[in-house]
Amino acid sequence: MFTFFRKIRGVLLQEGKTSQYFKYAVGEIVLIVIGILIAIQINTWNQDR
C-alpha cells in the first residue's frame, strides 16, 4: 500500500505537476487527521462504557 502512494508521489513530482502534488498531500493529511479523530472518539466511547 505504501509503495502505491510513493509511486503516485514520484510520478506527480517527475511530471512537474506540483499543484496536483500539493492537493494530494493535503488530502492525505486530511485522511490521517480523520483517522486519528475516529480513533480518539472510539477510545472515549469505550472509556464511557
C-alpha atoms as a PDB file:
ATOM      1  CA  MET A   1       0.000   0.000   0.000  1.00  0.00           C
ATOM      2  CA  PHE A   2       2.798   2.406   0.873  1.00  0.00           C
ATOM      3  CA  THR A   3       4.551   1.689  -2.415  1.00  0.00           C
ATOM      4  CA  PHE A   4       1.357   2.627  -4.244  1.00  0.00           C
ATOM      5  CA  PHE A   5       1.278   6.073  -2.616  1.00  0.00           C
ATOM      6  CA  ARG A   6       5.029   6.500  -3.064  1.00  0.00           C
ATOM      7  CA  LYS A   7       4.656   5.757  -6.770  1.00  0.00           C
ATOM      8  CA  ILE A   8       1.877   8.347  -7.152  1.00  0.00           C
ATOM      9  CA  ARG A   9       4.015  10.987  -5.414  1.00  0.00           C
ATOM     10  CA  GLY A  10       7.015  10.177  -7.583  1.00  0.00           C
ATOM     11  CA  VAL A  11       5.046  10.424 -10.824  1.00  0.00           C
ATOM     12  CA  LEU A  12       3.461  13.742  -9.867  1.00  0.00           C
ATOM     13  CA  LEU A  13       6.795  15.265  -8.920  1.00  0.00           C
ATOM     14  CA  GLN A  14       8.624  13.959 -12.001  1.00  0.00           C
ATOM     15  CA  GLU A  15       5.983  15.349 -14.335  1.00  0.00           C
ATOM     16  CA  GLY A  16       6.241  18.780 -12.736  1.00  0.00           C
ATOM     17  CA  LYS A  17       2.664  18.813 -11.524  1.00  0.00           C
ATOM     18  CA  THR A  18       3.366  20.436  -8.181  1.00  0.00           C
ATOM     19  CA  SER A  19      -0.139  21.836  -7.750  1.00  0.00           C
ATOM     20  CA  GLN A  20      -1.620  18.345  -8.096  1.00  0.00           C
ATOM     21  CA  TYR A  21       1.022  17.038  -5.678  1.00  0.00           C
ATOM     22  CA  PHE A  22       0.038  19.620  -3.070  1.00  0.00           C
ATOM     23  CA  LYS A  23      -3.640  18.688  -3.472  1.00  0.00           C
ATOM     24  CA  TYR A  24      -2.679  15.042  -2.996  1.00  0.00           C
ATOM     25  CA  ALA A  25      -0.560  15.870   0.063  1.00  0.00           C
ATOM     26  CA  VAL A  26      -3.348  17.901   1.685  1.00  0.00           C
ATOM     27  CA  GLY A  27      -5.819  15.085   1.001  1.00  0.00           C
ATOM     28  CA  GLU A  28      -3.506  12.568   2.590  1.00  0.00           C
ATOM     29  CA  ILE A  29      -3.084  14.746   5.681  1.00  0.00           C
ATOM     30  CA  VAL A  30      -6.857  15.175   5.987  1.00  0.00           C
ATOM     31  CA  LEU A  31      -7.348  11.405   5.836  1.00  0.00           C
ATOM     32  CA  ILE A  32      -4.790  10.884   8.602  1.00  0.00           C
ATOM     33  CA  VAL A  33      -6.426  13.514  10.820  1.00  0.00           C
ATOM     34  CA  ILE A  34      -9.867  11.956  10.283  1.00  0.00           C
ATOM     35  CA  GLY A  35      -8.482   8.551  11.228  1.00  0.00           C
ATOM     36  CA  ILE A  36      -6.943   9.927  14.412  1.00  0.00           C
ATOM     37  CA  LEU A  37     -10.185  11.677  15.379  1.00  0.00           C
ATOM     38  CA  ILE A  38     -12.168   8.470  14.830  1.00  0.00           C
ATOM     39  CA  ALA A  39      -9.705   6.532  16.998  1.00  0.00           C
ATOM     40  CA  ILE A  40      -9.984   9.110  19.785  1.00  0.00           C
ATOM     41  CA  GLN A  41     -13.778   9.025  19.587  1.00  0.00           C
ATOM     42  CA  ILE A  42     -13.845   5.223  19.818  1.00  0.00           C
ATOM     43  CA  ASN A  43     -11.441   5.324  22.768  1.00  0.00           C
ATOM     44  CA  THR A  44     -13.611   7.868  24.576  1.00  0.00           C
ATOM     45  CA  TRP A  45     -16.730   5.831  23.835  1.00  0.00           C
ATOM     46  CA  ASN A  46     -15.091   2.679  25.260  1.00  0.00           C
ATOM     47  CA  GLN A  47     -13.986   4.502  28.399  1.00  0.00           C
ATOM     48  CA  ASP A  48     -17.517   5.834  28.980  1.00  0.00           C
ATOM     49  CA  ARG A  49     -18.952   2.342  28.724  1.00  0.00           C
END
